[in-house]
């Protein structure tokens, strides 16, 4: 029997931002989010914010992140950001091929109001050359989170999104 429990599956078309609400609860400490992205019409990075238990998107500059970008055609790159208003560069969709991307994130302790919320992510995309990214991130707030937001800060629409949220059960 799998330790993953499907909590929510959401699909959307022609959106720049998508909120997934009421998926984090006291039932799980670890969540897996799997995102399949369709074309967005131009180059862009896929970004992530949390939604607190009051239903408000956390836009305060309390996010930190670090990323490793692994290109098939160029040297690898590293990036770090502190005190930003979202976790950026979770996935990269290119302008020339527009073939989409996908990523998987694990979110740790989002519902806990006594600890920070942490994430690890990895993605793959074609731009026309293969590009993968690995990310770590933290929201430096001790507040209960109940959901998340996927956004393209470039303002371009995703032609399609499919997002599955799972709770990771720990058996003792």
Protein backbone atom coordinates (compact mmCIF):
# COMPACT_ATOMS: atom_id res chain seq x y z
CA UNK A 1 0.00 0.00 0.00
CA UNK A 2 1.33 3.42 -0.96
CA UNK A 3 2.19 6.04 1.62
CA UNK A 4 0.97 8.74 -0.79
CA UNK A 5 -2.63 9.87 -0.48
CA UNK A 6 -4.11 11.94 -3.29
CA UNK A 7 -5.69 14.99 -1.69
CA UNK A 8 -6.51 17.13 -4.71
CA UNK A 9 -6.20 17.19 -8.50
CA UNK A 10 -6.76 20.46 -10.32
CA UNK A 11 -6.55 21.26 -14.01
CA UNK A 12 -6.82 24.66 -15.66
CA UNK A 13 -6.30 26.29 -19.04
CA UNK A 14 -5.30 29.81 -20.07
CA UNK A 15 -4.35 31.09 -16.61
CA UNK A 16 -1.35 33.06 -15.35
CA UNK A 17 -1.98 32.19 -11.70
CA UNK A 18 -3.69 29.26 -10.04
CA UNK A 19 -4.56 28.95 -6.34
CA UNK A 20 -4.93 25.51 -4.77
CA UNK A 21 -6.66 25.95 -1.43
CA UNK A 22 -7.52 23.75 1.55
CA UNK A 23 -5.04 20.97 0.81
CA UNK A 24 -2.69 21.26 3.82
CA UNK A 25 -4.01 20.07 7.17
CA UNK A 26 -2.94 18.49 10.45
CA UNK A 27 -3.29 15.07 8.78
CA UNK A 28 0.16 15.21 7.14
CA UNK A 29 3.53 16.87 7.77
CA UNK A 30 4.92 16.28 4.25
CA UNK A 31 3.18 16.93 0.93
CA UNK A 32 4.11 16.10 -2.64
CA UNK A 33 2.99 18.46 -5.41
CA UNK A 34 3.32 17.21 -9.00
CA UNK A 35 2.78 19.81 -11.74
CA UNK A 36 2.54 19.24 -15.49
CA UNK A 37 2.71 22.46 -17.48
CA UNK A 38 1.58 23.01 -21.03
CA UNK A 39 2.88 25.70 -23.33
CA UNK A 40 2.94 29.26 -22.09
CA UNK A 41 3.55 30.99 -25.42
CA UNK A 42 6.88 32.53 -24.45
CA UNK A 43 9.79 31.96 -22.10
CA UNK A 44 9.09 32.08 -18.42
CA UNK A 45 9.83 30.72 -15.01
CA UNK A 46 7.27 29.00 -12.86
CA UNK A 47 7.01 30.37 -9.33
CA UNK A 48 5.33 29.34 -6.07
CA UNK A 49 3.70 31.03 -3.07
CA UNK A 50 1.92 29.67 -0.02
CA UNK A 51 -1.62 30.48 1.08
CA UNK A 52 -2.22 30.92 4.80
CA UNK A 53 -5.08 29.38 6.77
CA UNK A 54 -7.08 32.62 6.42
CA UNK A 55 -7.04 32.12 2.64
CA UNK A 56 -4.60 34.96 1.87
CA UNK A 57 -1.67 34.47 -0.49
CA UNK A 58 1.59 35.16 1.36
CA UNK A 59 3.19 37.93 -0.71
CA UNK A 60 5.50 39.31 2.00
CA UNK A 61 9.23 39.18 1.25
CA UNK A 62 9.82 36.27 3.62
CA UNK A 63 10.88 33.60 1.12
CA UNK A 64 14.47 32.41 0.58
CA UNK A 65 15.59 29.99 -2.11
CA UNK A 66 18.62 28.44 -3.77
CA UNK A 67 18.71 26.68 -7.14
CA UNK A 68 20.97 24.64 -9.36
CA UNK A 69 20.22 24.95 -13.07
CA UNK A 70 21.48 22.00 -15.12
CA UNK A 71 21.60 22.71 -18.85
CA UNK A 72 22.30 20.20 -21.59
CA UNK A 73 23.89 22.85 -23.82
CA UNK A 74 25.54 25.32 -21.40
CA UNK A 75 27.43 25.26 -18.12
CA UNK A 76 25.45 24.63 -14.96
CA UNK A 77 24.37 27.68 -13.00
CA UNK A 78 23.56 28.47 -9.39
CA UNK A 79 21.27 31.10 -7.97
CA UNK A 80 20.27 32.32 -4.54
CA UNK A 81 17.69 34.82 -3.39
CA UNK A 82 16.71 36.02 0.05
CA UNK A 83 13.78 38.05 1.26
CA UNK A 84 11.76 37.62 -1.93
CA UNK A 85 7.98 37.54 -2.36
CA UNK A 86 7.74 34.04 -3.90
CA UNK A 87 9.85 30.94 -4.49
CA UNK A 88 11.09 31.56 -8.00
CA UNK A 89 12.52 29.42 -10.80
CA UNK A 90 10.80 26.14 -9.91
CA UNK A 91 10.62 25.32 -13.61
CA UNK A 92 11.74 27.00 -16.81
CA UNK A 93 9.70 26.99 -20.02
CA UNK A 94 11.45 28.12 -23.17
CA UNK A 95 10.46 30.58 -25.84
CA UNK A 96 11.52 28.69 -28.93
CA UNK A 97 9.94 25.27 -28.56
CA UNK A 98 7.07 26.00 -26.13
CA UNK A 99 6.87 22.36 -25.16
CA UNK A 100 6.09 22.83 -21.51
CA UNK A 101 7.68 21.54 -18.36
CA UNK A 102 6.96 19.72 -15.16
CA UNK A 103 8.12 19.77 -11.59
CA UNK A 104 7.72 17.95 -8.30
CA UNK A 105 7.92 19.73 -4.95
CA UNK A 106 7.92 18.36 -1.44
CA UNK A 107 6.54 20.75 1.17
CA UNK A 108 7.46 20.22 4.83
CA UNK A 109 5.34 21.31 7.83
CA UNK A 110 3.09 23.79 6.02
CA UNK A 111 0.23 23.45 8.50
CA UNK A 112 2.40 23.86 11.59
CA UNK A 113 2.10 27.28 13.18
CA UNK A 114 5.28 26.77 15.21
CA UNK A 115 7.84 26.17 12.44
CA UNK A 116 8.88 27.52 9.06
CA UNK A 117 7.62 25.85 5.88
CA UNK A 118 10.40 24.29 3.77
CA UNK A 119 10.42 22.93 0.22
CA UNK A 120 12.60 20.93 -2.13
CA UNK A 121 11.80 20.78 -5.85
CA UNK A 122 13.11 19.43 -9.10
CA UNK A 123 11.98 20.16 -12.64
CA UNK A 124 12.57 19.24 -16.24
CA UNK A 125 11.79 21.21 -19.39
CA UNK A 126 12.65 21.49 -23.04
CA UNK A 127 13.58 24.93 -24.37
CA UNK A 128 14.59 23.46 -27.17
CA UNK A 129 17.47 21.93 -25.23
CA UNK A 130 16.89 19.99 -22.07
CA UNK A 131 17.06 21.95 -18.81
CA UNK A 132 16.62 20.65 -15.28
CA UNK A 133 16.54 22.53 -12.02
CA UNK A 134 16.84 21.62 -8.34
CA UNK A 135 15.58 24.05 -5.72
CA UNK A 136 15.35 24.44 -1.99
CA UNK A 137 13.23 27.07 -0.32
CA UNK A 138 11.78 28.33 2.93
CA UNK A 139 8.98 30.65 4.00
CA UNK A 140 10.28 32.38 7.12
CA UNK A 141 6.92 32.71 8.86
CA UNK A 142 5.54 30.66 11.71
CA UNK A 143 1.96 30.54 10.51
CA UNK A 144 -0.35 27.77 9.41
CA UNK A 145 -0.54 27.36 5.61
CA UNK A 146 -3.51 25.68 3.94
CA UNK A 147 -2.66 25.90 0.25
CA UNK A 148 -0.39 27.25 -2.47
CA UNK A 149 -0.29 29.35 -5.61
CA UNK A 150 1.44 28.56 -8.93
CA UNK A 151 2.23 31.69 -10.93
CA UNK A 152 4.08 32.95 -13.96
CA UNK A 153 5.40 36.36 -12.96
CA UNK A 154 6.02 37.23 -16.61
CA UNK A 155 2.26 37.58 -17.02
CA UNK A 156 1.95 34.96 -19.75
CA UNK A 157 -0.79 32.34 -19.66
CA UNK A 158 -0.23 28.65 -19.21
CA UNK A 159 -2.10 26.85 -21.98
CA UNK A 160 -2.70 24.03 -19.52
CA UNK A 161 -1.84 23.04 -15.97
CA UNK A 162 -2.43 19.80 -14.13
CA UNK A 163 -1.57 19.80 -10.44
CA UNK A 164 -1.80 16.83 -8.08
CA UNK A 165 -1.32 17.28 -4.36
CA UNK A 166 -0.55 14.27 -2.17
CA UNK A 167 -0.11 13.83 1.55
CA UNK A 168 2.80 11.60 2.55
CA UNK A 169 1.73 9.24 5.32
CA UNK A 170 4.40 7.98 7.69
CA UNK A 171 3.72 4.51 9.04
CA UNK A 172 5.26 3.58 12.34
